[in-house]
């Protein structure tokens, strides 16, 4: 079933700090979230579907809200979600200066200055995305997320822009489906996803659910809460960091990586981790180390990556 949404409201905002709309729109966006000109933020609130459409308008950003309802509370919610997801009120100037001379992150200071993390609307979505990344490559993890939205989310159509997208399925929808969510390719992860959905509906802490380890918890907090304070550490980082920053072809312990990140990036350690995936195109670690040896990195490659995912159907 396809849900056509009506236009209900528009406004303009001007980013308060350094901001690149296109780079931010691209960052971990699927084909439904960015079309090269406009960002789309579909969401469901109190059973009603909505979508915020954002584009550049001179020095401002124009926000248009399409929805099943024109209630003022929904419009207020949509504006808050747009600000949170796109980060146009976020000041990253300190971070940009911090990484200017970084061995890998220097492009964030320039020429990619103005990029912000494209966050997700809430903890539920952030946890599901993070769970799908467990023991998976970049493409494998995002294929699960895309399948999850397409199979179980509600299909939205914006007539004005001939654009189709899928809202993220609600916890209630996922609980009702039960083990059938394995059809999205999530495998053993389905149990954790179901338990997270139950925790959210029961007003329990979803970050303490069995199967949500420290790495998953930190990633989800970065992308859903903009909590940049802690670096998520997995095998990829345990090999990348010593090679890139110490010239050592070895694997450091999680504790050693955390200590390094805290000393080097401080309160920006979590954001640095996510930006590292963008600059390195989230390459498998073996091929990435070979590229680093040759001094060759392509943040925007001709294949799915954190900054190009929106161009592909995977």
Protein backbone atom coordinates (compact mmCIF):
# COMPACT_ATOMS: atom_id res chain seq x y z
CA UNK A 1 0.00 0.00 0.00
CA UNK A 2 1.30 3.44 -0.95
CA UNK A 3 0.56 6.48 1.25
CA UNK A 4 0.33 9.82 -0.52
CA UNK A 5 1.10 12.74 1.79
CA UNK A 6 -0.24 16.26 1.42
CA UNK A 7 1.74 19.47 1.80
CA UNK A 8 0.97 21.09 5.16
CA UNK A 9 3.73 23.57 6.05
CA UNK A 10 6.99 25.16 4.96
CA UNK A 11 9.63 27.41 6.45
CA UNK A 12 13.21 28.51 5.92
CA UNK A 13 16.14 28.17 8.28
CA UNK A 14 19.69 29.45 8.05
CA UNK A 15 22.43 27.22 9.49
CA UNK A 16 24.09 29.04 12.37
CA UNK A 17 27.55 27.59 11.83
CA UNK A 18 29.69 26.16 9.02
CA UNK A 19 27.45 23.81 7.11
CA UNK A 20 27.47 21.84 3.87
CA UNK A 21 23.96 20.75 2.99
CA UNK A 22 25.00 18.34 0.23
CA UNK A 23 27.76 16.59 2.17
CA UNK A 24 25.54 16.22 5.23
CA UNK A 25 22.62 14.98 3.11
CA UNK A 26 24.87 12.32 1.55
CA UNK A 27 26.24 10.97 4.83
CA UNK A 28 24.77 7.49 5.40
CA UNK A 29 21.72 8.34 3.27
CA UNK A 30 19.89 5.70 1.25
CA UNK A 31 18.30 6.27 -2.15
CA UNK A 32 15.09 7.19 -0.29
CA UNK A 33 16.79 9.85 1.85
CA UNK A 34 18.61 11.96 -0.77
CA UNK A 35 18.08 12.40 -4.49
CA UNK A 36 21.06 14.63 -5.24
CA UNK A 37 19.11 17.85 -4.59
CA UNK A 38 16.71 17.21 -1.73
CA UNK A 39 16.91 15.42 1.60
CA UNK A 40 13.89 13.42 2.72
CA UNK A 41 13.17 12.53 6.34
CA UNK A 42 10.19 10.17 6.56
CA UNK A 43 8.85 9.30 10.00
CA UNK A 44 5.77 8.07 11.81
CA UNK A 45 4.47 9.93 14.86
CA UNK A 46 1.47 8.79 16.87
CA UNK A 47 0.32 6.62 13.99
CA UNK A 48 0.52 9.37 11.36
CA UNK A 49 3.03 9.40 8.51
CA UNK A 50 5.02 12.51 7.64
CA UNK A 51 8.06 13.47 5.60
CA UNK A 52 10.24 16.57 5.81
CA UNK A 53 11.73 17.59 2.46
CA UNK A 54 14.76 19.89 2.62
CA UNK A 55 16.63 21.71 -0.13
CA UNK A 56 18.97 24.67 -0.47
CA UNK A 57 17.35 28.04 -1.05
CA UNK A 58 20.00 30.71 -1.56
CA UNK A 59 21.77 30.93 1.82
CA UNK A 60 18.93 29.21 3.62
CA UNK A 61 17.47 25.73 3.78
CA UNK A 62 13.84 25.38 2.80
CA UNK A 63 11.90 22.83 4.84
CA UNK A 64 8.60 21.47 3.53
CA UNK A 65 6.43 19.17 5.60
CA UNK A 66 4.19 16.61 3.95
CA UNK A 67 1.88 14.67 6.21
CA UNK A 68 -1.38 12.89 6.85
CA UNK A 69 -2.15 15.58 9.41
CA UNK A 70 -1.72 19.34 9.73
CA UNK A 71 -1.87 19.35 13.54
CA UNK A 72 0.49 21.90 15.09
CA UNK A 73 2.02 19.31 17.42
CA UNK A 74 3.02 17.19 14.43
CA UNK A 75 4.54 20.18 12.61
CA UNK A 76 6.57 21.04 15.73
CA UNK A 77 7.74 17.42 15.95
CA UNK A 78 8.74 17.44 12.27
CA UNK A 79 10.84 20.60 12.69
CA UNK A 80 12.62 19.17 15.73
CA UNK A 81 13.34 15.93 13.88
CA UNK A 82 14.69 17.84 10.87
CA UNK A 83 17.05 19.89 13.03
CA UNK A 84 18.25 16.79 14.86
CA UNK A 85 18.75 14.63 11.76
CA UNK A 86 20.46 17.27 9.63
CA UNK A 87 22.37 19.03 12.41
CA UNK A 88 22.00 22.51 10.95
CA UNK A 89 22.16 24.07 14.44
CA UNK A 90 25.29 22.14 15.42
CA UNK A 91 28.65 23.86 15.92
CA UNK A 92 31.54 21.63 14.79
CA UNK A 93 34.12 24.40 14.32
CA UNK A 94 36.25 23.05 17.18
CA UNK A 95 36.22 19.59 15.62
CA UNK A 96 37.18 20.90 12.17
CA UNK A 97 40.20 22.67 13.65
CA UNK A 98 41.14 19.59 15.70
CA UNK A 99 41.46 17.34 12.64
CA UNK A 100 43.19 19.77 10.25
CA UNK A 101 46.52 17.96 10.66
CA UNK A 102 45.10 14.50 11.33
CA UNK A 103 46.74 11.75 9.26
CA UNK A 104 43.39 10.50 7.94
CA UNK A 105 40.70 12.96 9.02
CA UNK A 106 42.36 16.09 7.57
CA UNK A 107 39.82 16.34 4.67
CA UNK A 108 37.09 16.98 7.26
CA UNK A 109 38.92 20.20 8.19
CA UNK A 110 39.29 20.94 4.48
CA UNK A 111 38.01 20.30 1.72
CA UNK A 112 35.01 18.52 3.34
CA UNK A 113 34.59 21.22 5.95
CA UNK A 114 30.95 21.79 6.76
CA UNK A 115 30.00 18.11 6.74
CA UNK A 116 27.88 17.00 9.67
CA UNK A 117 26.69 13.54 10.59
CA UNK A 118 23.26 12.82 9.17
CA UNK A 119 21.68 11.38 12.31
CA UNK A 120 18.53 9.26 12.60
CA UNK A 121 15.30 10.43 14.27
CA UNK A 122 15.49 8.24 17.36
CA UNK A 123 17.06 5.50 19.46
CA UNK A 124 14.93 2.72 17.91
CA UNK A 125 16.22 3.36 14.42
CA UNK A 126 19.76 3.91 15.68
CA UNK A 127 19.82 0.60 17.52
CA UNK A 128 18.43 -1.40 14.61
CA UNK A 129 21.02 0.08 12.23
CA UNK A 130 23.82 -0.63 14.73
CA UNK A 131 22.62 -4.21 15.32
CA UNK A 132 22.60 -4.82 11.56
CA UNK A 133 26.27 -3.77 11.45
CA UNK A 134 27.29 -6.51 13.90
CA UNK A 135 29.72 -8.95 12.23
CA UNK A 136 28.87 -7.55 8.79
CA UNK A 137 30.59 -5.57 6.07
CA UNK A 138 29.35 -2.10 5.18
CA UNK A 139 27.26 -3.37 2.25
CA UNK A 140 25.92 -6.38 4.15
CA UNK A 141 24.82 -4.28 7.10
CA UNK A 142 23.13 -1.62 5.01
CA UNK A 143 21.45 -4.20 2.81
CA UNK A 144 19.75 -5.51 5.95
CA UNK A 145 18.65 -1.99 6.94
CA UNK A 146 17.29 -1.24 3.46
CA UNK A 147 15.43 -4.57 3.36
CA UNK A 148 14.08 -3.87 6.84
CA UNK A 149 12.58 -0.56 5.73
CA UNK A 150 11.28 -1.80 2.39
CA UNK A 151 9.69 -5.01 3.68
CA UNK A 152 8.20 -3.72 6.92
CA UNK A 153 8.01 0.08 6.64
CA UNK A 154 5.14 2.06 5.16
CA UNK A 155 5.58 3.22 1.57
CA UNK A 156 5.33 6.99 1.13
CA UNK A 157 4.91 8.96 -2.08
CA UNK A 158 5.53 12.70 -2.44
CA UNK A 159 3.58 13.67 -5.56
CA UNK A 160 5.18 17.12 -5.87
CA UNK A 161 8.61 15.56 -6.37
CA UNK A 162 7.59 12.14 -7.72
CA UNK A 163 9.61 10.69 -4.87
CA UNK A 164 8.98 7.39 -3.12
CA UNK A 165 10.46 6.39 0.21
CA UNK A 166 9.86 4.06 3.12
CA UNK A 167 9.36 5.09 6.72
CA UNK A 168 11.22 3.09 9.35
CA UNK A 169 8.87 0.39 10.75
CA UNK A 170 7.64 0.97 14.28
CA UNK A 171 8.56 -1.27 17.24
CA UNK A 172 4.92 -2.43 17.39
CA UNK A 173 5.00 -3.51 13.74
CA UNK A 174 8.18 -5.49 14.31
CA UNK A 175 6.85 -7.24 17.41
CA UNK A 176 3.73 -8.27 15.51
CA UNK A 177 5.89 -9.76 12.76
CA UNK A 178 8.02 -11.70 15.22
CA UNK A 179 10.51 -14.10 13.68
CA UNK A 180 9.24 -13.17 10.21
CA UNK A 181 11.63 -10.20 10.27
CA UNK A 182 14.38 -12.67 9.35
CA UNK A 183 13.14 -12.22 5.75
CA UNK A 184 15.11 -8.95 5.76
CA UNK A 185 18.30 -11.01 6.07
CA UNK A 186 19.03 -10.04 9.66
CA UNK A 187 19.71 -13.65 10.67
CA UNK A 188 20.41 -14.28 14.35
CA UNK A 189 20.08 -10.54 15.00
CA UNK A 190 16.30 -10.82 14.89
CA UNK A 191 16.17 -11.79 18.57
CA UNK A 192 18.02 -8.67 19.67
CA UNK A 193 15.88 -6.45 17.42
CA UNK A 194 12.68 -7.93 18.86
CA UNK A 195 13.94 -7.49 22.42
CA UNK A 196 14.87 -3.87 21.72
CA UNK A 197 11.37 -3.25 20.32
CA UNK A 198 9.82 -4.79 23.46
CA UNK A 199 12.04 -2.69 25.73
CA UNK A 200 11.07 0.53 23.98
CA UNK A 201 7.35 -0.25 24.16
CA UNK A 202 7.73 -1.14 27.85
CA UNK A 203 9.62 2.09 28.61
CA UNK A 204 12.70 0.06 29.59
CA UNK A 205 16.28 0.97 28.71
CA UNK A 206 16.88 -0.50 25.23
CA UNK A 207 20.65 -0.06 25.58
CA UNK A 208 20.74 -2.79 28.23
CA UNK A 209 19.04 -5.45 26.10
CA UNK A 210 20.97 -8.70 25.69
CA UNK A 211 22.80 -8.61 22.36
CA UNK A 212 23.44 -4.86 22.55
CA UNK A 213 27.11 -4.81 23.44
CA UNK A 214 29.34 -1.82 24.08
CA UNK A 215 30.24 -1.30 20.41
CA UNK A 216 26.58 -1.42 19.29
CA UNK A 217 25.55 0.83 22.17
CA UNK A 218 28.14 3.48 21.31
CA UNK A 219 27.40 3.48 17.57
CA UNK A 220 23.68 3.82 18.18
CA UNK A 221 24.19 6.70 20.61
CA UNK A 222 26.36 8.52 18.09
CA UNK A 223 23.89 8.24 15.21
CA UNK A 224 20.68 8.69 17.21
CA UNK A 225 21.63 10.98 20.12
CA UNK A 226 24.70 12.75 18.72
CA UNK A 227 26.60 11.51 21.76
CA UNK A 228 30.15 11.84 20.47
CA UNK A 229 31.95 11.21 23.74
CA UNK A 230 32.97 7.54 23.33
CA UNK A 231 34.65 5.77 20.44
CA UNK A 232 33.02 2.49 19.37
CA UNK A 233 35.78 -0.08 18.97
CA UNK A 234 35.68 -3.23 16.86
CA UNK A 235 38.29 -5.32 15.05
CA UNK A 236 38.35 -2.84 12.13
CA UNK A 237 39.41 0.02 14.42
CA UNK A 238 41.77 -2.19 16.42
CA UNK A 239 43.78 -2.73 13.23
CA UNK A 240 43.29 0.65 11.52
CA UNK A 241 44.35 2.91 14.39
CA UNK A 242 47.77 1.34 15.12
CA UNK A 243 48.63 1.17 11.41
CA UNK A 244 47.47 4.68 10.50
CA UNK A 245 48.70 6.53 13.57
CA UNK A 246 51.62 4.46 14.88
CA UNK A 247 52.85 2.69 11.75
CA UNK A 248 52.34 -0.68 13.43
CA UNK A 249 50.86 -3.62 11.57
CA UNK A 250 49.32 -5.15 14.65
CA UNK A 251 46.03 -5.29 16.50
CA UNK A 252 45.67 -3.20 19.63
CA UNK A 253 43.36 -4.02 22.51
CA UNK A 254 40.03 -2.27 22.85
CA UNK A 255 41.29 -0.51 25.97
CA UNK A 256 44.38 0.80 24.17
CA UNK A 257 42.27 2.14 21.30
CA UNK A 258 39.94 3.87 23.75
CA UNK A 259 42.87 5.49 25.54
CA UNK A 260 44.36 6.63 22.23
CA UNK A 261 41.03 8.07 21.02
CA UNK A 262 40.39 9.90 24.29
CA UNK A 263 43.84 11.48 24.23
CA UNK A 264 43.77 12.41 20.54
CA UNK A 265 40.17 13.47 19.96
CA UNK A 266 38.77 13.99 23.47
CA UNK A 267 35.03 14.70 23.48
CA UNK A 268 34.97 14.16 19.71
CA UNK A 269 36.19 10.54 19.84
CA UNK A 270 32.84 9.09 18.74
CA UNK A 271 32.39 11.55 15.89
CA UNK A 272 35.98 10.89 14.80
CA UNK A 273 35.18 7.18 14.53
CA UNK A 274 32.18 7.79 12.27
CA UNK A 275 34.15 10.27 10.16
CA UNK A 276 36.93 7.69 9.79
CA UNK A 277 34.43 5.36 8.13
CA UNK A 278 33.49 8.14 5.71
CA UNK A 279 37.03 9.14 4.75
CA UNK A 280 38.10 5.51 4.26
CA UNK A 281 34.83 4.60 2.46
CA UNK A 282 34.40 1.88 5.14
CA UNK A 283 36.75 -0.36 3.15
CA UNK A 284 37.43 -3.89 4.40
CA UNK A 285 40.46 -3.60 6.65
CA UNK A 286 42.88 -5.65 4.53
CA UNK A 287 42.34 -3.60 1.37
CA UNK A 288 42.23 -0.38 3.39
CA UNK A 289 45.67 -0.98 4.88
CA UNK A 290 47.06 -1.57 1.39
CA UNK A 291 45.56 1.72 0.22
CA UNK A 292 46.99 3.55 3.21
CA UNK A 293 50.44 2.19 2.35
CA UNK A 294 50.09 3.77 -1.09
CA UNK A 295 48.64 6.97 0.36
CA UNK A 296 45.48 6.45 -1.64
CA UNK A 297 42.05 7.08 -0.14
CA UNK A 298 38.79 7.80 -1.96
CA UNK A 299 36.05 9.11 0.35
CA UNK A 300 33.60 9.22 -2.59
CA UNK A 301 34.27 6.01 -4.56
CA UNK A 302 32.28 4.54 -7.44
CA UNK A 303 30.63 1.99 -5.15
CA UNK A 304 28.43 2.00 -2.04
CA UNK A 305 30.11 3.76 0.88
CA UNK A 306 29.08 6.12 3.70
CA UNK A 307 29.01 9.10 1.29
CA UNK A 308 27.71 7.32 -1.83
CA UNK A 309 25.14 4.85 -0.49
CA UNK A 310 22.31 7.07 -1.78
CA UNK A 311 23.41 6.50 -5.40
CA UNK A 312 22.95 2.73 -5.31
CA UNK A 313 20.38 0.01 -4.87
CA UNK A 314 22.08 -2.65 -2.76
